């Protein structure tokens, strides 16, 4: 089905104070970045946060599911999406625990 731009914009507005927030459409779905790190995915208008130990402790009763077939499990966020303060805090925890992305070296031809 794919996620809608309206919903992606809503999620971005919910986490806009977590740092430098951006999102990018990929294969009909969206990836959310904070300070250059992928912290969340929006698939079929469902929000998935990358799993971290700090995030697991913060959430408590975690629901995990793969965002798409063949993917690793992520934290499925459902009932707390509208709580901006809670969601922003979770995203900050996640961003702090994730490593910086490795820059790919372009091969010379």
PDB file of N, CA and C in Angstrom:
ATOM      1  N   UNK A   1       0.818  -1.184   0.000  1.00  0.00           N
ATOM      2  CA  UNK A   1       0.000   0.000   0.000  1.00  0.00           C
ATOM      3  C   UNK A   1       0.868   1.257   0.000  1.00  0.00           C
ATOM      4  N   UNK A   2       1.884   1.341   0.825  1.00  0.00           N
ATOM      5  CA  UNK A   2       2.725   2.525   0.902  1.00  0.00           C
ATOM      6  C   UNK A   2       2.205   3.518   1.928  1.00  0.00           C
ATOM      7  N   UNK A   3       3.089   4.370   2.361  1.00  0.00           N
ATOM      8  CA  UNK A   3       2.750   5.396   3.350  1.00  0.00           C
ATOM      9  C   UNK A   3       2.434   6.701   2.639  1.00  0.00           C
ATOM     10  N   UNK A   4       1.645   7.539   3.288  1.00  0.00           N
ATOM     11  CA  UNK A   4       1.254   8.803   2.686  1.00  0.00           C
ATOM     12  C   UNK A   4       2.202   9.925   3.110  1.00  0.00           C
ATOM     13  N   UNK A   5       2.358  10.893   2.231  1.00  0.00           N
ATOM     14  CA  UNK A   5       3.191  12.049   2.529  1.00  0.00           C
ATOM     15  C   UNK A   5       2.630  12.818   3.724  1.00  0.00           C
ATOM     16  N   UNK A   6       1.315  12.929   3.812  1.00  0.00           N
ATOM     17  CA  UNK A   6       0.700  13.636   4.947  1.00  0.00           C
ATOM     18  C   UNK A   6       1.107  13.012   6.278  1.00  0.00           C
ATOM     19  N   UNK A   7       1.105  11.683   6.327  1.00  0.00           N
ATOM     20  CA  UNK A   7       1.460  11.010   7.576  1.00  0.00           C
ATOM     21  C   UNK A   7       2.950  11.147   7.868  1.00  0.00           C
ATOM     22  N   UNK A   8       3.776  11.103   6.836  1.00  0.00           N
ATOM     23  CA  UNK A   8       5.219  11.299   7.019  1.00  0.00           C
ATOM     24  C   UNK A   8       5.486  12.709   7.554  1.00  0.00           C
ATOM     25  N   UNK A   9       4.792  13.696   7.031  1.00  0.00           N
ATOM     26  CA  UNK A   9       4.945  15.075   7.513  1.00  0.00           C
ATOM     27  C   UNK A   9       4.494  15.197   8.965  1.00  0.00           C
ATOM     28  N   UNK A  10       3.421  14.484   9.324  1.00  0.00           N
ATOM     29  CA  UNK A  10       2.944  14.490  10.712  1.00  0.00           C
ATOM     30  C   UNK A  10       4.004  13.911  11.647  1.00  0.00           C
ATOM     31  N   UNK A  11       4.588  12.783  11.275  1.00  0.00           N
ATOM     32  CA  UNK A  11       5.619  12.165  12.114  1.00  0.00           C
ATOM     33  C   UNK A  11       6.813  13.102  12.237  1.00  0.00           C
ATOM     34  N   UNK A  12       7.225  13.705  11.134  1.00  0.00           N
ATOM     35  CA  UNK A  12       8.352  14.653  11.175  1.00  0.00           C
ATOM     36  C   UNK A  12       8.049  15.812  12.126  1.00  0.00           C
ATOM     37  N   UNK A  13       6.816  16.286  12.134  1.00  0.00           N
ATOM     38  CA  UNK A  13       6.451  17.388  13.037  1.00  0.00           C
ATOM     39  C   UNK A  13       6.418  16.923  14.495  1.00  0.00           C
ATOM     40  N   UNK A  14       6.142  15.655  14.716  1.00  0.00           N
ATOM     41  CA  UNK A  14       6.107  15.123  16.080  1.00  0.00           C
ATOM     42  C   UNK A  14       7.510  15.027  16.685  1.00  0.00           C
ATOM     43  N   UNK A  15       8.515  14.839  15.852  1.00  0.00           N
ATOM     44  CA  UNK A  15       9.882  14.646  16.355  1.00  0.00           C
ATOM     45  C   UNK A  15      10.806  15.808  15.978  1.00  0.00           C
ATOM     46  N   UNK A  16      10.238  16.919  15.573  1.00  0.00           N
ATOM     47  CA  UNK A  16      11.043  18.020  15.032  1.00  0.00           C
ATOM     48  C   UNK A  16      12.015  18.660  16.019  1.00  0.00           C
ATOM     49  N   UNK A  17      11.888  18.398  17.301  1.00  0.00           N
ATOM     50  CA  UNK A  17      12.820  18.958  18.277  1.00  0.00           C
ATOM     51  C   UNK A  17      13.867  17.938  18.735  1.00  0.00           C
ATOM     52  N   UNK A  18      13.917  16.791  18.076  1.00  0.00           N
ATOM     53  CA  UNK A  18      14.860  15.735  18.459  1.00  0.00           C
ATOM     54  C   UNK A  18      16.268  16.000  17.926  1.00  0.00           C
ATOM     55  N   UNK A  19      16.416  16.939  17.051  1.00  0.00           N
ATOM     56  CA  UNK A  19      17.696  17.235  16.417  1.00  0.00           C
ATOM     57  C   UNK A  19      17.435  17.691  15.000  1.00  0.00           C
ATOM     58  N   UNK A  20      18.397  17.468  14.133  1.00  0.00           N
ATOM     59  CA  UNK A  20      18.218  17.810  12.722  1.00  0.00           C
ATOM     60  C   UNK A  20      17.430  16.675  12.061  1.00  0.00           C
ATOM     61  N   UNK A  21      16.127  16.903  11.859  1.00  0.00           N
ATOM     62  CA  UNK A  21      15.219  15.867  11.376  1.00  0.00           C
ATOM     63  C   UNK A  21      14.984  16.027   9.875  1.00  0.00           C
ATOM     64  N   UNK A  22      15.063  14.898   9.183  1.00  0.00           N
ATOM     65  CA  UNK A  22      14.707  14.867   7.770  1.00  0.00           C
ATOM     66  C   UNK A  22      14.091  13.506   7.472  1.00  0.00           C
ATOM     67  N   UNK A  23      13.455  13.413   6.335  1.00  0.00           N
ATOM     68  CA  UNK A  23      12.895  12.134   5.915  1.00  0.00           C
ATOM     69  C   UNK A  23      13.025  12.016   4.413  1.00  0.00           C
ATOM     70  N   UNK A  24      13.008  10.771   3.958  1.00  0.00           N
ATOM     71  CA  UNK A  24      13.219  10.499   2.554  1.00  0.00           C
ATOM     72  C   UNK A  24      12.335   9.344   2.117  1.00  0.00           C
ATOM     73  N   UNK A  25      11.697   9.518   0.976  1.00  0.00           N
ATOM     74  CA  UNK A  25      10.838   8.462   0.446  1.00  0.00           C
ATOM     75  C   UNK A  25      11.704   7.392  -0.201  1.00  0.00           C
ATOM     76  N   UNK A  26      11.414   6.143   0.177  1.00  0.00           N
ATOM     77  CA  UNK A  26      12.153   5.011  -0.371  1.00  0.00           C
ATOM     78  C   UNK A  26      11.182   3.869  -0.648  1.00  0.00           C
ATOM     79  N   UNK A  27      11.024   3.522  -1.896  1.00  0.00           N
ATOM     80  CA  UNK A  27      10.175   2.397  -2.285  1.00  0.00           C
ATOM     81  C   UNK A  27       8.741   2.554  -1.772  1.00  0.00           C
ATOM     82  N   UNK A  28       8.213   3.753  -1.777  1.00  0.00           N
ATOM     83  CA  UNK A  28       6.843   3.998  -1.333  1.00  0.00           C
ATOM     84  C   UNK A  28       6.704   4.174   0.164  1.00  0.00           C
ATOM     85  N   UNK A  29       7.790   4.033   0.889  1.00  0.00           N
ATOM     86  CA  UNK A  29       7.792   4.191   2.342  1.00  0.00           C
ATOM     87  C   UNK A  29       8.752   5.327   2.691  1.00  0.00           C
ATOM     88  N   UNK A  30       8.936   5.600   3.984  1.00  0.00           N
ATOM     89  CA  UNK A  30       9.775   6.714   4.395  1.00  0.00           C
ATOM     90  C   UNK A  30      10.782   6.294   5.457  1.00  0.00           C
ATOM     91  N   UNK A  31      11.986   6.845   5.340  1.00  0.00           N
ATOM     92  CA  UNK A  31      13.017   6.688   6.365  1.00  0.00           C
ATOM     93  C   UNK A  31      13.186   8.046   7.028  1.00  0.00           C
ATOM     94  N   UNK A  32      13.283   8.048   8.364  1.00  0.00           N
ATOM     95  CA  UNK A  32      13.462   9.284   9.127  1.00  0.00           C
ATOM     96  C   UNK A  32      14.874   9.319   9.679  1.00  0.00           C
ATOM     97  N   UNK A  33      15.507  10.457   9.501  1.00  0.00           N
ATOM     98  CA  UNK A  33      16.878  10.680   9.940  1.00  0.00           C
ATOM     99  C   UNK A  33      16.894  11.746  11.021  1.00  0.00           C
ATOM    100  N   UNK A  34      17.731  11.540  12.018  1.00  0.00           N
ATOM    101  CA  UNK A  34      18.000  12.568  13.017  1.00  0.00           C
ATOM    102  C   UNK A  34      19.517  12.682  13.109  1.00  0.00           C
ATOM    103  N   UNK A  35      20.001  13.867  12.858  1.00  0.00           N
ATOM    104  CA  UNK A  35      21.445  14.136  12.860  1.00  0.00           C
ATOM    105  C   UNK A  35      22.202  13.157  11.957  1.00  0.00           C
ATOM    106  N   UNK A  36      21.606  12.837  10.813  1.00  0.00           N
ATOM    107  CA  UNK A  36      22.247  11.976   9.829  1.00  0.00           C
ATOM    108  C   UNK A  36      22.106  10.485  10.055  1.00  0.00           C
ATOM    109  N   UNK A  37      21.422  10.083  11.117  1.00  0.00           N
ATOM    110  CA  UNK A  37      21.249   8.663  11.427  1.00  0.00           C
ATOM    111  C   UNK A  37      19.799   8.243  11.155  1.00  0.00           C
ATOM    112  N   UNK A  38      19.627   7.078  10.538  1.00  0.00           N
ATOM    113  CA  UNK A  38      18.278   6.549  10.341  1.00  0.00           C
ATOM    114  C   UNK A  38      17.779   6.050  11.689  1.00  0.00           C
ATOM    115  N   UNK A  39      16.707   6.651  12.198  1.00  0.00           N
ATOM    116  CA  UNK A  39      16.170   6.271  13.503  1.00  0.00           C
ATOM    117  C   UNK A  39      14.821   5.585  13.409  1.00  0.00           C
ATOM    118  N   UNK A  40      14.113   5.789  12.280  1.00  0.00           N
ATOM    119  CA  UNK A  40      12.760   5.248  12.182  1.00  0.00           C
ATOM    120  C   UNK A  40      12.380   5.011  10.725  1.00  0.00           C
ATOM    121  N   UNK A  41      11.408   4.135  10.560  1.00  0.00           N
ATOM    122  CA  UNK A  41      10.829   3.863   9.250  1.00  0.00           C
ATOM    123  C   UNK A  41       9.319   4.005   9.352  1.00  0.00           C
ATOM    124  N   UNK A  42       8.728   4.485   8.290  1.00  0.00           N
ATOM    125  CA  UNK A  42       7.271   4.559   8.200  1.00  0.00           C
ATOM    126  C   UNK A  42       6.865   3.644   7.063  1.00  0.00           C
ATOM    127  N   UNK A  43       6.210   2.539   7.386  1.00  0.00           N
ATOM    128  CA  UNK A  43       5.816   1.545   6.397  1.00  0.00           C
ATOM    129  C   UNK A  43       4.334   1.261   6.557  1.00  0.00           C
ATOM    130  N   UNK A  44       3.587   1.388   5.476  1.00  0.00           N
ATOM    131  CA  UNK A  44       2.127   1.214   5.507  1.00  0.00           C
ATOM    132  C   UNK A  44       1.501   2.080   6.596  1.00  0.00           C
ATOM    133  N   UNK A  45       2.013   3.305   6.733  1.00  0.00           N
ATOM    134  CA  UNK A  45       1.545   4.270   7.734  1.00  0.00           C
ATOM    135  C   UNK A  45       1.640   3.740   9.162  1.00  0.00           C
ATOM    136  N   UNK A  46       2.624   2.883   9.404  1.00  0.00           N
ATOM    137  CA  UNK A  46       2.926   2.422  10.756  1.00  0.00           C
ATOM    138  C   UNK A  46       4.360   2.843  11.069  1.00  0.00           C
ATOM    139  N   UNK A  47       4.588   3.318  12.298  1.00  0.00           N
ATOM    140  CA  UNK A  47       5.893   3.836  12.688  1.00  0.00           C
ATOM    141  C   UNK A  47       6.716   2.748  13.376  1.00  0.00           C
ATOM    142  N   UNK A  48       7.926   2.564  12.869  1.00  0.00           N
ATOM    143  CA  UNK A  48       8.870   1.603  13.421  1.00  0.00           C
ATOM    144  C   UNK A  48      10.130   2.353  13.825  1.00  0.00           C
ATOM    145  N   UNK A  49      10.544   2.191  15.079  1.00  0.00           N
ATOM    146  CA  UNK A  49      11.750   2.821  15.598  1.00  0.00           C
ATOM    147  C   UNK A  49      12.849   1.758  15.670  1.00  0.00           C
ATOM    148  N   UNK A  50      14.057   2.125  15.258  1.00  0.00           N
ATOM    149  CA  UNK A  50      15.175   1.178  15.335  1.00  0.00           C
ATOM    150  C   UNK A  50      15.374   0.748  16.786  1.00  0.00           C
ATOM    151  N   UNK A  51      15.602  -0.525  17.007  1.00  0.00           N
ATOM    152  CA  UNK A  51      15.742  -1.021  18.379  1.00  0.00           C
ATOM    153  C   UNK A  51      17.090  -0.665  19.012  1.00  0.00           C
ATOM    154  N   UNK A  52      17.024  -0.195  20.258  1.00  0.00           N
ATOM    155  CA  UNK A  52      18.213   0.062  21.077  1.00  0.00           C
ATOM    156  C   UNK A  52      17.875  -0.366  22.501  1.00  0.00           C
ATOM    157  N   UNK A  53      18.902  -0.611  23.290  1.00  0.00           N
ATOM    158  CA  UNK A  53      18.662  -1.005  24.685  1.00  0.00           C
ATOM    159  C   UNK A  53      17.980   0.125  25.466  1.00  0.00           C
ATOM    160  N   UNK A  54      18.446   1.352  25.252  1.00  0.00           N
ATOM    161  CA  UNK A  54      17.837   2.494  25.931  1.00  0.00           C
ATOM    162  C   UNK A  54      16.381   2.682  25.540  1.00  0.00           C
ATOM    163  N   UNK A  55      16.087   2.489  24.271  1.00  0.00           N
ATOM    164  CA  UNK A  55      14.702   2.584  23.800  1.00  0.00           C
ATOM    165  C   UNK A  55      13.839   1.507  24.424  1.00  0.00           C
ATOM    166  N   UNK A  56      14.380   0.303  24.523  1.00  0.00           N
ATOM    167  CA  UNK A  56      13.635  -0.811  25.133  1.00  0.00           C
ATOM    168  C   UNK A  56      13.308  -0.502  26.590  1.00  0.00           C
ATOM    169  N   UNK A  57      14.280   0.045  27.324  1.00  0.00           N
ATOM    170  CA  UNK A  57      14.050   0.402  28.730  1.00  0.00           C
ATOM    171  C   UNK A  57      13.018   1.527  28.857  1.00  0.00           C
ATOM    172  N   UNK A  58      13.104   2.506  27.959  1.00  0.00           N
ATOM    173  CA  UNK A  58      12.182   3.637  27.995  1.00  0.00           C
ATOM    174  C   UNK A  58      10.748   3.204  27.706  1.00  0.00           C
ATOM    175  N   UNK A  59      10.573   2.374  26.679  1.00  0.00           N
ATOM    176  CA  UNK A  59       9.224   1.947  26.288  1.00  0.00           C
ATOM    177  C   UNK A  59       8.625   1.012  27.326  1.00  0.00           C
ATOM    178  N   UNK A  60       9.420   0.085  27.825  1.00  0.00           N
ATOM    179  CA  UNK A  60       8.896  -0.888  28.785  1.00  0.00           C
ATOM    180  C   UNK A  60       8.334  -2.095  28.077  1.00  0.00           C
ATOM    181  N   UNK A  61       7.041  -2.121  27.873  1.00  0.00           N
ATOM    182  CA  UNK A  61       6.362  -3.233  27.213  1.00  0.00           C
ATOM    183  C   UNK A  61       6.455  -3.035  25.699  1.00  0.00           C
ATOM    184  N   UNK A  62       7.526  -3.541  25.110  1.00  0.00           N
ATOM    185  CA  UNK A  62       7.829  -3.301  23.699  1.00  0.00           C
ATOM    186  C   UNK A  62       7.067  -4.257  22.798  1.00  0.00           C
ATOM    187  N   UNK A  63       6.526  -3.714  21.714  1.00  0.00           N
ATOM    188  CA  UNK A  63       5.948  -4.529  20.648  1.00  0.00           C
ATOM    189  C   UNK A  63       6.928  -4.453  19.489  1.00  0.00           C
ATOM    190  N   UNK A  64       7.413  -5.611  19.051  1.00  0.00           N
ATOM    191  CA  UNK A  64       8.372  -5.643  17.955  1.00  0.00           C
ATOM    192  C   UNK A  64       7.762  -6.323  16.744  1.00  0.00           C
ATOM    193  N   UNK A  65       8.118  -5.805  15.576  1.00  0.00           N
ATOM    194  CA  UNK A  65       7.646  -6.377  14.321  1.00  0.00           C
ATOM    195  C   UNK A  65       8.572  -5.898  13.210  1.00  0.00           C
ATOM    196  N   UNK A  66       8.668  -6.668  12.130  1.00  0.00           N
ATOM    197  CA  UNK A  66       9.476  -6.198  10.998  1.00  0.00           C
ATOM    198  C   UNK A  66       8.682  -5.161  10.194  1.00  0.00           C
ATOM    199  N   UNK A  67       9.317  -4.077   9.769  1.00  0.00           N
ATOM    200  CA  UNK A  67       8.599  -3.058   9.009  1.00  0.00           C
ATOM    201  C   UNK A  67       8.205  -3.519   7.598  1.00  0.00           C
ATOM    202  N   UNK A  68       8.921  -4.496   7.071  1.00  0.00           N
ATOM    203  CA  UNK A  68       8.614  -5.060   5.759  1.00  0.00           C
ATOM    204  C   UNK A  68       9.143  -6.491   5.750  1.00  0.00           C
ATOM    205  N   UNK A  69       8.654  -7.334   4.851  1.00  0.00           N
ATOM    206  CA  UNK A  69       9.088  -8.735   4.823  1.00  0.00           C
ATOM    207  C   UNK A  69      10.600  -8.864   4.675  1.00  0.00           C
ATOM    208  N   UNK A  70      11.193  -9.673   5.532  1.00  0.00           N
ATOM    209  CA  UNK A  70      12.618  -9.924   5.496  1.00  0.00           C
ATOM    210  C   UNK A  70      13.449  -8.968   6.334  1.00  0.00           C
ATOM    211  N   UNK A  71      12.821  -7.948   6.902  1.00  0.00           N
ATOM    212  CA  UNK A  71      13.544  -6.968   7.727  1.00  0.00           C
ATOM    213  C   UNK A  71      13.684  -7.475   9.156  1.00  0.00           C
ATOM    214  N   UNK A  72      14.673  -6.903   9.854  1.00  0.00           N
ATOM    215  CA  UNK A  72      14.825  -7.193  11.275  1.00  0.00           C
ATOM    216  C   UNK A  72      13.701  -6.501  12.042  1.00  0.00           C
ATOM    217  N   UNK A  73      13.376  -7.048  13.214  1.00  0.00           N
ATOM    218  CA  UNK A  73      12.332  -6.443  14.036  1.00  0.00           C
ATOM    219  C   UNK A  73      12.734  -5.045  14.503  1.00  0.00           C
ATOM    220  N   UNK A  74      11.762  -4.175  14.567  1.00  0.00           N
ATOM    221  CA  UNK A  74      11.903  -2.827  15.110  1.00  0.00           C
ATOM    222  C   UNK A  74      10.813  -2.639  16.147  1.00  0.00           C
ATOM    223  N   UNK A  75      10.890  -1.543  16.887  1.00  0.00           N
ATOM    224  CA  UNK A  75       9.838  -1.228  17.849  1.00  0.00           C
ATOM    225  C   UNK A  75       8.659  -0.629  17.083  1.00  0.00           C
ATOM    226  N   UNK A  76       7.510  -1.275  17.165  1.00  0.00           N
ATOM    227  CA  UNK A  76       6.295  -0.778  16.527  1.00  0.00           C
ATOM    228  C   UNK A  76       5.625   0.199  17.490  1.00  0.00           C
ATOM    229  N   UNK A  77       5.488   1.441  17.069  1.00  0.00           N
ATOM    230  CA  UNK A  77       4.902   2.480  17.909  1.00  0.00           C
ATOM    231  C   UNK A  77       3.494   2.747  17.405  1.00  0.00           C
ATOM    232  N   UNK A  78       2.521   2.555  18.263  1.00  0.00           N
ATOM    233  CA  UNK A  78       1.140   2.714  17.829  1.00  0.00           C
ATOM    234  C   UNK A  78       0.412   3.749  18.675  1.00  0.00           C
ATOM    235  N   UNK A  79       0.179   3.426  19.925  1.00  0.00           N
ATOM    236  CA  UNK A  79      -0.665   4.269  20.768  1.00  0.00           C
ATOM    237  C   UNK A  79       0.034   5.527  21.281  1.00  0.00           C
ATOM    238  N   UNK A  80       1.352   5.639  21.160  1.00  0.00           N
ATOM    239  CA  UNK A  80       2.086   6.792  21.687  1.00  0.00           C
ATOM    240  C   UNK A  80       2.520   7.774  20.591  1.00  0.00           C
ATOM    241  N   UNK A  81       2.136   7.524  19.341  1.00  0.00           N
ATOM    242  CA  UNK A  81       2.553   8.390  18.250  1.00  0.00           C
ATOM    243  C   UNK A  81       2.088   9.833  18.418  1.00  0.00           C
ATOM    244  N   UNK A  82       0.958  10.032  19.037  1.00  0.00           N
ATOM    245  CA  UNK A  82       0.416  11.389  19.184  1.00  0.00           C
ATOM    246  C   UNK A  82       1.006  12.118  20.393  1.00  0.00           C
ATOM    247  N   UNK A  83       1.783  11.428  21.219  1.00  0.00           N
ATOM    248  CA  UNK A  83       2.424  12.048  22.380  1.00  0.00           C
ATOM    249  C   UNK A  83       3.791  12.582  21.935  1.00  0.00           C
ATOM    250  N   UNK A  84       3.820  13.845  21.527  1.00  0.00           N
ATOM    251  CA  UNK A  84       5.022  14.449  20.950  1.00  0.00           C
ATOM    252  C   UNK A  84       6.214  14.377  21.892  1.00  0.00           C
ATOM    253  N   UNK A  85       6.012  14.688  23.151  1.00  0.00           N
ATOM    254  CA  UNK A  85       7.115  14.689  24.117  1.00  0.00           C
ATOM    255  C   UNK A  85       7.694  13.280  24.283  1.00  0.00           C
ATOM    256  N   UNK A  86       6.829  12.286  24.434  1.00  0.00           N
ATOM    257  CA  UNK A  86       7.258  10.900  24.605  1.00  0.00           C
ATOM    258  C   UNK A  86       8.012  10.416  23.359  1.00  0.00           C
ATOM    259  N   UNK A  87       7.436  10.668  22.183  1.00  0.00           N
ATOM    260  CA  UNK A  87       8.040  10.198  20.940  1.00  0.00           C
ATOM    261  C   UNK A  87       9.376  10.880  20.686  1.00  0.00           C
ATOM    262  N   UNK A  88       9.458  12.175  20.948  1.00  0.00           N
ATOM    263  CA  UNK A  88      10.714  12.902  20.777  1.00  0.00           C
ATOM    264  C   UNK A  88      11.790  12.349  21.704  1.00  0.00           C
ATOM    265  N   UNK A  89      11.420  12.050  22.935  1.00  0.00           N
ATOM    266  CA  UNK A  89      12.384  11.497  23.886  1.00  0.00           C
ATOM    267  C   UNK A  89      12.895  10.138  23.408  1.00  0.00           C
ATOM    268  N   UNK A  90      11.992   9.294  22.929  1.00  0.00           N
ATOM    269  CA  UNK A  90      12.388   7.984  22.406  1.00  0.00           C
ATOM    270  C   UNK A  90      13.333   8.140  21.214  1.00  0.00           C
ATOM    271  N   UNK A  91      13.037   9.046  20.326  1.00  0.00           N
ATOM    272  CA  UNK A  91      13.878   9.258  19.153  1.00  0.00           C
ATOM    273  C   UNK A  91      15.260   9.783  19.565  1.00  0.00           C
ATOM    274  N   UNK A  92      15.322  10.660  20.551  1.00  0.00           N
ATOM    275  CA  UNK A  92      16.610  11.162  21.047  1.00  0.00           C
ATOM    276  C   UNK A  92      17.440  10.027  21.646  1.00  0.00           C
ATOM    277  N   UNK A  93      16.805   9.174  22.439  1.00  0.00           N
ATOM    278  CA  UNK A  93      17.496   8.014  23.011  1.00  0.00           C
ATOM    279  C   UNK A  93      18.051   7.145  21.888  1.00  0.00           C
ATOM    280  N   UNK A  94      17.218   6.875  20.896  1.00  0.00           N
ATOM    281  CA  UNK A  94      17.612   6.021  19.775  1.00  0.00           C
ATOM    282  C   UNK A  94      18.784   6.633  19.018  1.00  0.00           C
ATOM    283  N   UNK A  95      18.685   7.903  18.691  1.00  0.00           N
ATOM    284  CA  UNK A  95      19.746   8.575  17.940  1.00  0.00           C
ATOM    285  C   UNK A  95      21.062   8.551  18.709  1.00  0.00           C
ATOM    286  N   UNK A  96      21.006   8.755  20.009  1.00  0.00           N
ATOM    287  CA  UNK A  96      22.221   8.755  20.826  1.00  0.00           C
ATOM    288  C   UNK A  96      22.915   7.399  20.848  1.00  0.00           C
ATOM    289  N   UNK A  97      22.159   6.317  20.747  1.00  0.00           N
ATOM    290  CA  UNK A  97      22.744   4.974  20.827  1.00  0.00           C
ATOM    291  C   UNK A  97      23.176   4.404  19.475  1.00  0.00           C
ATOM    292  N   UNK A  98      22.675   4.956  18.395  1.00  0.00           N
ATOM    293  CA  UNK A  98      23.029   4.431  17.077  1.00  0.00           C
ATOM    294  C   UNK A  98      24.371   4.990  16.616  1.00  0.00           C
ATOM    295  N   UNK A  99      25.165   4.161  15.939  1.00  0.00           N
ATOM    296  CA  UNK A  99      26.452   4.661  15.428  1.00  0.00           C
ATOM    297  C   UNK A  99      26.233   5.559  14.218  1.00  0.00           C
ATOM    298  N   UNK A 100      27.213   6.390  13.943  1.00  0.00           N
ATOM    299  CA  UNK A 100      27.169   7.202  12.734  1.00  0.00           C
ATOM    300  C   UNK A 100      27.249   6.287  11.521  1.00  0.00           C
ATOM    301  N   UNK A 101      26.569   6.639  10.447  1.00  0.00           N
ATOM    302  CA  UNK A 101      26.647   5.791   9.257  1.00  0.00           C
ATOM    303  C   UNK A 101      28.060   5.792   8.684  1.00  0.00           C
ATOM    304  N   UNK A 102      28.460   4.669   8.139  1.00  0.00           N
ATOM    305  CA  UNK A 102      29.776   4.539   7.527  1.00  0.00           C
ATOM    306  C   UNK A 102      29.702   5.150   6.133  1.00  0.00           C
ATOM    307  N   UNK A 103      30.624   6.053   5.844  1.00  0.00           N
ATOM    308  CA  UNK A 103      30.640   6.673   4.517  1.00  0.00           C
ATOM    309  C   UNK A 103      31.216   5.685   3.521  1.00  0.00           C
ATOM    310  N   UNK A 104      30.521   5.540   2.406  1.00  0.00           N
ATOM    311  CA  UNK A 104      30.980   4.630   1.362  1.00  0.00           C
ATOM    312  C   UNK A 104      32.032   5.318   0.521  1.00  0.00           C
ATOM    313  N   UNK A 105      33.065   4.570   0.218  1.00  0.00           N
ATOM    314  CA  UNK A 105      34.141   5.084  -0.623  1.00  0.00           C
ATOM    315  C   UNK A 105      33.798   4.733  -2.062  1.00  0.00           C
ATOM    316  N   UNK A 106      33.771   5.757  -2.903  1.00  0.00           N
ATOM    317  CA  UNK A 106      33.465   5.531  -4.311  1.00  0.00           C
ATOM    318  C   UNK A 106      34.680   4.929  -5.004  1.00  0.00           C
ATOM    319  N   UNK A 107      34.422   3.910  -5.781  1.00  0.00           N
ATOM    320  CA  UNK A 107      35.492   3.260  -6.536  1.00  0.00           C
ATOM    321  C   UNK A 107      35.772   4.061  -7.801  1.00  0.00           C
ATOM    322  N   UNK A 108      37.055   4.165  -8.131  1.00  0.00           N
ATOM    323  CA  UNK A 108      37.437   4.818  -9.382  1.00  0.00           C
ATOM    324  C   UNK A 108      37.249   3.828 -10.517  1.00  0.00           C
ATOM    325  N   UNK A 109      36.820   4.351 -11.634  1.00  0.00           N
ATOM    326  CA  UNK A 109      36.605   3.482 -12.797  1.00  0.00           C
ATOM    327  C   UNK A 109      37.775   3.535 -13.717  1.00  0.00           C
TER     328      UNK A 109
END
